[in-house]
Amino acid sequence: MELHVKREHSTGRPYPDRARMLISCPDGPGIVAAVSHFLYQHGANIVQSDQYTMDPDGGMFFMRVEFDLPKLDERLEEVRNIFGGVAERFKMNWQIFKVSHKKRLAIFVSKEDHCLVELLWQWQAGDLDADIALVVSNHTDMQAYVESFGIPFHHIPVTAETKAEAEARQLEVIGEDIDVIILARYMQIISPSFIEHYRHRIINIHHSFLPAFVGGKPYAQAYQRGVKIIGATAHYVTEELDGGPIIEQDVQRVSHSDDVNELKRIGRTIERVVLARAVKWHIEDRILVHHNKTVVFN
C-alpha cells in the first residue's frame, strides 16, 4: 500500500482575532440592533452576518455573526460574560467560538472506506479546517491506511454481547476534547447513553431512496423497483434511527440502464460529498438546531 505523509498543519491562523456568534431565540424587534450595538460598543467589527426568522409573529429567530475583536484572546471571556445580559433580555440560546480554534474530530468507520477517504483527502488538502484526532473502527481493514496519515487508529470490536463495553472503551479513547464524531459508514447503532454525551455532535450519513428501502441490500431493492432518483442524507444522530435533524442532502437521477453496481457507485459518490459538506458546515459553526430541524447558513 502506498504510504501518505501526514500534512503538517500550520499553527498560525489567518484570523487570530476573529470569532463567530450563533444565536437562536424567540423572534421580536430589536435583536439585530442589540447584537450589532453590543459588538460596536466593545470595538468589534462585523465581517459577516446572516439571519433567518421562521415566523415574524411568534416564531424563532436565528443569527450567525462573524466579527473581529482586537486582542480577542484577552477579552473573549469578558465579552461572553457581559453579553449574558443581552442574551437574557431576548431569551437567547447563544455561543461564541474562536475561529482560530480548530475543532477536533473523531471518525468512526466499519469496512466501507469511501466516506473516510474523502474526509482524509480533504483534510490533507487543507479543505477541512479541523484536526482529525483519531479513527475508531470495529474492523481492522482501514488501519494501515489511516496510520499512514499519522492518525491514531483504534480497533474496538463490537458484538451484541459486548456493545456496552465497546462503547465505554470508545468514550475512553475519545477523551474529553473531541468536538464532533463522524460516522463515516459506521455500521453500528449508537446507544442513547452514548448519544447523550454528544448531543447534536454526532454526524451520520445514509442513503436516501425514493421510495425508501429498509433492511439489507437497499441498492438491489432500488434496482428491482426501477428507481429514478437516488441520493444521500447527512444528519445529526438521535435516539430515532436515521431520524435526527437533517444537515445536508443531495440526489442524482438514474435510469433503467444502471445496474446494481452502478447504483452503488453513484450512491457512494453522493454519500461522501454530502457527508463532507455537513462536516465542513459543522466545523465552520454554520448550523443551528431547533427541535428536529436545522438552520444552515451556507
Protein backbone atom coordinates (compact mmCIF):
# COMPACT_ATOMS: atom_id res chain seq x y z
CA MET A 1 0.00 0.00 0.00
CA GLU A 2 1.28 3.45 -0.88
CA LEU A 3 2.02 5.49 2.22
CA HIS A 4 0.88 9.08 2.62
CA VAL A 5 2.81 11.68 4.54
CA LYS A 6 0.81 13.43 7.21
CA ARG A 7 0.24 17.05 6.31
CA GLU A 8 1.75 19.41 8.85
CA HIS A 9 -0.98 21.81 9.88
CA SER A 10 0.17 25.37 10.40
CA THR A 11 -0.06 26.63 13.97
CA GLY A 12 -0.55 30.16 12.73
CA ARG A 13 -4.16 31.11 11.92
CA PRO A 14 -5.17 33.73 9.35
CA TYR A 15 -7.66 35.48 11.67
CA PRO A 16 -6.42 35.28 15.26
CA ASP A 17 -8.89 37.96 16.40
CA ARG A 18 -11.97 36.60 14.62
CA ALA A 19 -14.92 34.98 16.37
CA ARG A 20 -18.32 33.57 15.43
CA MET A 21 -21.54 34.01 17.35
CA LEU A 22 -24.54 31.70 16.93
CA ILE A 23 -27.91 32.81 18.32
CA SER A 24 -31.41 31.34 18.44
CA CYS A 25 -34.29 32.97 20.31
CA PRO A 26 -37.97 33.91 20.03
CA ASP A 27 -38.38 36.44 17.25
CA GLY A 28 -39.10 40.07 18.06
CA PRO A 29 -37.97 43.61 17.29
CA GLY A 30 -34.52 44.84 18.21
CA ILE A 31 -32.49 41.62 18.18
CA VAL A 32 -30.15 42.52 15.32
CA ALA A 33 -29.80 46.07 16.61
CA ALA A 34 -28.95 44.87 20.12
CA VAL A 35 -26.31 42.42 18.91
CA SER A 36 -24.78 44.90 16.48
CA HIS A 37 -24.72 47.69 19.07
CA PHE A 38 -23.15 45.41 21.66
CA LEU A 39 -20.34 44.43 19.30
CA TYR A 40 -19.84 48.07 18.26
CA GLN A 41 -19.65 49.15 21.91
CA HIS A 42 -16.84 46.69 22.52
CA GLY A 43 -14.83 47.68 19.47
CA ALA A 44 -15.72 44.69 17.29
CA ASN A 45 -16.07 44.88 13.52
CA ILE A 46 -18.76 42.67 11.95
CA VAL A 47 -17.43 40.97 8.81
CA GLN A 48 -20.42 38.73 8.06
CA SER A 49 -23.97 38.49 9.37
CA ASP A 50 -26.80 36.09 8.44
CA GLN A 51 -30.31 35.98 9.88
CA TYR A 52 -33.40 33.85 9.43
CA THR A 53 -36.82 34.00 11.03
CA MET A 54 -39.27 31.10 10.96
CA ASP A 55 -42.24 33.40 11.54
CA PRO A 56 -42.01 37.09 12.50
CA ASP A 57 -45.08 36.71 14.72
CA GLY A 58 -44.22 34.31 17.49
CA GLY A 59 -41.64 32.21 15.61
CA MET A 60 -37.96 31.60 16.21
CA PHE A 61 -35.11 33.83 15.07
CA PHE A 62 -31.64 32.55 14.12
CA MET A 63 -28.46 34.55 13.63
CA ARG A 64 -24.83 33.88 12.77
CA VAL A 65 -22.29 36.69 13.08
CA GLU A 66 -18.57 36.73 12.33
CA PHE A 67 -16.63 39.61 13.85
CA ASP A 68 -13.10 40.79 14.50
CA LEU A 69 -12.27 41.90 18.03
CA PRO A 70 -8.78 43.25 18.82
CA LYS A 71 -6.97 41.20 21.49
CA LEU A 72 -9.66 38.53 21.30
CA ASP A 73 -7.78 36.04 23.46
CA GLU A 74 -7.56 38.52 26.32
CA ARG A 75 -11.11 39.85 26.03
CA LEU A 76 -13.26 36.89 24.95
CA GLU A 77 -14.26 35.74 28.42
CA GLU A 78 -15.19 39.28 29.44
CA VAL A 79 -17.27 39.73 26.28
CA ARG A 80 -19.07 36.45 26.94
CA ASN A 81 -19.90 37.50 30.49
CA ILE A 82 -21.21 40.92 29.50
CA PHE A 83 -23.21 39.59 26.55
CA GLY A 84 -25.13 37.42 29.00
CA GLY A 85 -27.24 40.44 29.87
CA VAL A 86 -28.28 40.97 26.24
CA ALA A 87 -28.96 37.25 25.86
CA GLU A 88 -31.17 37.16 28.94
CA ARG A 89 -33.26 40.09 27.70
CA PHE A 90 -34.10 38.28 24.44
CA LYS A 91 -34.14 34.73 25.90
CA MET A 92 -31.30 33.67 23.63
CA ASN A 93 -29.51 30.39 23.28
CA TRP A 94 -26.08 31.50 22.15
CA GLN A 95 -22.44 30.54 21.75
CA ILE A 96 -19.26 32.35 20.74
CA PHE A 97 -16.46 30.40 19.02
CA LYS A 98 -12.91 31.46 18.21
CA VAL A 99 -12.18 30.94 14.53
CA SER A 100 -8.57 30.15 15.40
CA HIS A 101 -9.65 27.12 17.43
CA LYS A 102 -9.56 24.02 15.23
CA LYS A 103 -12.27 21.56 16.10
CA ARG A 104 -11.11 18.05 16.92
CA LEU A 105 -12.77 15.23 15.00
CA ALA A 106 -13.19 11.55 15.78
CA ILE A 107 -14.17 9.41 12.80
CA PHE A 108 -15.95 6.07 13.22
CA VAL A 109 -15.81 3.63 10.28
CA SER A 110 -16.53 -0.03 9.57
CA LYS A 111 -15.45 -1.65 6.27
CA GLU A 112 -16.66 0.74 3.57
CA ASP A 113 -13.95 3.31 3.02
CA HIS A 114 -15.32 5.94 0.60
CA CYS A 115 -16.53 8.47 3.19
CA LEU A 116 -13.41 8.11 5.34
CA VAL A 117 -11.11 8.50 2.32
CA GLU A 118 -12.94 11.67 1.25
CA LEU A 119 -12.58 13.24 4.70
CA LEU A 120 -8.89 12.32 4.92
CA TRP A 121 -8.25 13.69 1.43
CA GLN A 122 -10.00 16.99 2.19
CA TRP A 123 -8.14 17.23 5.50
CA GLN A 124 -4.78 16.56 3.84
CA ALA A 125 -5.55 19.14 1.12
CA GLY A 126 -6.39 21.77 3.73
CA ASP A 127 -10.05 21.98 2.70
CA LEU A 128 -11.27 20.56 6.02
CA ASP A 129 -10.05 23.06 8.60
CA ALA A 130 -10.01 20.76 11.61
CA ASP A 131 -7.81 18.25 13.40
CA ILE A 132 -8.63 14.57 12.89
CA ALA A 133 -7.69 13.32 16.33
CA LEU A 134 -8.36 9.60 15.80
CA VAL A 135 -10.23 6.96 13.86
CA VAL A 136 -12.25 4.24 15.60
CA SER A 137 -13.37 1.06 13.85
CA ASN A 138 -14.93 -2.29 14.66
CA HIS A 139 -12.73 -3.79 11.90
CA THR A 140 -9.05 -3.53 11.00
CA ASP A 141 -9.47 -3.08 7.24
CA MET A 142 -8.56 0.63 7.28
CA GLN A 143 -5.86 0.56 9.95
CA ALA A 144 -2.77 0.72 7.72
CA TYR A 145 -4.32 3.41 5.51
CA VAL A 146 -5.30 5.63 8.45
CA GLU A 147 -1.96 5.21 10.20
CA SER A 148 -0.14 6.21 7.01
CA PHE A 149 -1.53 9.71 7.65
CA GLY A 150 -0.06 9.70 11.16
CA ILE A 151 -3.55 9.47 12.68
CA PRO A 152 -4.14 7.11 15.65
CA PHE A 153 -6.35 4.11 14.80
CA HIS A 154 -8.31 2.26 17.50
CA HIS A 155 -9.75 -1.17 16.73
CA ILE A 156 -12.69 -1.78 19.06
CA PRO A 157 -14.73 -4.86 18.08
CA VAL A 158 -18.48 -4.71 18.74
CA THR A 159 -20.90 -7.59 19.23
CA ALA A 160 -24.39 -7.67 20.68
CA GLU A 161 -22.94 -9.08 23.90
CA THR A 162 -20.06 -6.57 24.18
CA LYS A 163 -21.78 -3.40 22.93
CA ALA A 164 -21.84 -1.61 26.31
CA GLU A 165 -18.22 -2.48 26.98
CA ALA A 166 -17.21 -1.39 23.47
CA GLU A 167 -18.93 1.99 23.84
CA ALA A 168 -17.27 2.53 27.20
CA ARG A 169 -13.92 1.87 25.53
CA GLN A 170 -14.82 4.24 22.67
CA LEU A 171 -15.61 7.03 25.12
CA GLU A 172 -12.31 6.32 26.88
CA VAL A 173 -10.17 6.64 23.73
CA ILE A 174 -12.11 9.71 22.55
CA GLY A 175 -11.41 11.56 25.78
CA GLU A 176 -12.84 14.92 26.79
CA ASP A 177 -11.72 17.24 23.98
CA ILE A 178 -13.48 15.89 20.87
CA ASP A 179 -15.83 18.43 19.28
CA VAL A 180 -17.65 16.18 16.82
CA ILE A 181 -17.92 12.48 15.97
CA ILE A 182 -18.41 11.47 12.32
CA LEU A 183 -19.99 8.15 11.44
CA ALA A 184 -18.33 7.55 8.07
CA ARG A 185 -20.39 4.46 7.21
CA TYR A 186 -20.03 3.06 10.71
CA MET A 187 -22.44 0.15 10.63
CA GLN A 188 -23.43 0.03 14.29
CA ILE A 189 -26.38 1.59 16.10
CA ILE A 190 -25.29 4.16 18.69
CA SER A 191 -26.89 3.74 22.12
CA PRO A 192 -28.94 6.52 23.77
CA SER A 193 -26.42 6.85 26.60
CA PHE A 194 -23.59 7.44 24.10
CA ILE A 195 -25.68 9.95 22.14
CA GLU A 196 -26.35 11.90 25.31
CA HIS A 197 -22.63 12.56 25.71
CA TYR A 198 -22.52 14.20 22.25
CA ARG A 199 -25.97 15.66 21.63
CA HIS A 200 -26.00 17.29 18.16
CA ARG A 201 -22.32 16.48 17.81
CA ILE A 202 -22.55 13.10 16.03
CA ILE A 203 -22.98 13.28 12.25
CA ASN A 204 -24.18 10.27 10.25
CA ILE A 205 -24.59 9.55 6.53
CA HIS A 206 -27.05 7.16 4.90
CA HIS A 207 -28.58 6.53 1.51
CA SER A 208 -31.82 8.27 0.53
CA PHE A 209 -34.02 6.48 -1.94
CA LEU A 210 -37.38 7.48 -3.35
CA PRO A 211 -39.19 5.37 -2.26
CA ALA A 212 -37.14 4.47 0.83
CA PHE A 213 -35.87 0.93 1.27
CA VAL A 214 -35.02 -0.51 4.66
CA GLY A 215 -33.22 -3.67 5.63
CA GLY A 216 -30.49 -5.45 3.70
CA LYS A 217 -29.36 -4.81 0.12
CA PRO A 218 -31.09 -1.45 -0.42
CA TYR A 219 -29.46 -0.96 -3.83
CA ALA A 220 -30.76 -4.31 -5.03
CA GLN A 221 -34.22 -3.34 -3.81
CA ALA A 222 -33.93 0.01 -5.59
CA TYR A 223 -32.87 -1.69 -8.80
CA GLN A 224 -35.80 -4.11 -8.65
CA ARG A 225 -38.21 -1.20 -8.20
CA GLY A 226 -36.63 0.79 -11.03
CA VAL A 227 -36.00 3.94 -9.01
CA LYS A 228 -35.20 7.11 -10.95
CA ILE A 229 -33.55 9.11 -8.15
CA ILE A 230 -31.03 8.06 -5.52
CA GLY A 231 -29.21 10.19 -3.01
CA ALA A 232 -27.80 10.58 0.48
CA THR A 233 -28.67 12.34 3.73
CA ALA A 234 -26.31 13.65 6.41
CA HIS A 235 -27.91 14.26 9.79
CA TYR A 236 -27.24 14.55 13.49
CA VAL A 237 -27.72 11.30 15.36
CA THR A 238 -30.63 11.00 17.78
CA GLU A 239 -32.31 8.09 19.50
CA GLU A 240 -34.60 7.70 16.47
CA LEU A 241 -32.68 5.64 13.91
CA ASP A 242 -31.79 7.83 10.90
CA GLY A 243 -34.37 10.34 12.12
CA GLY A 244 -32.22 13.15 13.50
CA PRO A 245 -32.05 16.77 12.26
CA ILE A 246 -31.03 16.81 8.59
CA ILE A 247 -27.94 18.86 7.71
CA GLU A 248 -27.49 18.18 4.00
CA GLN A 249 -28.95 16.05 1.20
CA ASP A 250 -28.28 15.52 -2.48
CA VAL A 251 -29.68 13.36 -5.27
CA GLN A 252 -28.82 12.19 -8.76
CA ARG A 253 -31.10 10.90 -11.47
CA VAL A 254 -30.59 7.29 -12.59
CA SER A 255 -32.23 5.20 -15.27
CA HIS A 256 -33.26 1.68 -16.16
CA SER A 257 -29.85 1.14 -17.77
CA ASP A 258 -28.00 1.49 -14.44
CA ASP A 259 -27.39 -1.91 -12.86
CA VAL A 260 -26.95 -2.55 -9.13
CA ASN A 261 -23.19 -1.93 -9.22
CA GLU A 262 -23.66 1.40 -11.00
CA LEU A 263 -26.30 2.44 -8.45
CA LYS A 264 -23.85 1.59 -5.67
CA ARG A 265 -21.09 3.62 -7.35
CA ILE A 266 -23.33 6.65 -7.75
CA GLY A 267 -24.58 6.27 -4.19
CA ARG A 268 -21.06 6.16 -2.77
CA THR A 269 -20.11 9.34 -4.62
CA ILE A 270 -23.14 11.21 -3.30
CA GLU A 271 -22.60 9.90 0.24
CA ARG A 272 -19.00 11.06 0.50
CA VAL A 273 -19.74 14.51 -0.93
CA VAL A 274 -22.81 15.08 1.26
CA LEU A 275 -21.04 13.94 4.43
CA ALA A 276 -18.01 16.16 3.73
CA ARG A 277 -20.28 19.17 3.23
CA ALA A 278 -22.09 18.51 6.50
CA VAL A 279 -18.83 18.15 8.42
CA LYS A 280 -17.42 21.34 6.87
CA TRP A 281 -20.54 23.33 7.82
CA HIS A 282 -20.44 21.98 11.37
CA ILE A 283 -16.79 22.89 11.95
CA GLU A 284 -17.44 26.35 10.49
CA ASP A 285 -20.26 26.90 13.01
CA ARG A 286 -22.91 27.29 10.33
CA ILE A 287 -25.61 25.04 11.83
CA LEU A 288 -28.30 25.79 14.39
CA VAL A 289 -30.63 23.03 15.60
CA HIS A 290 -34.24 23.71 16.50
CA HIS A 291 -36.28 20.70 17.60
CA ASN A 292 -35.72 18.16 14.79
CA LYS A 293 -34.73 20.67 12.10
CA THR A 294 -31.62 22.62 11.26
CA VAL A 295 -30.92 26.11 10.01
CA VAL A 296 -27.74 26.03 7.92
CA PHE A 297 -26.12 29.33 6.99
CA ASN A 298 -24.08 28.34 3.95
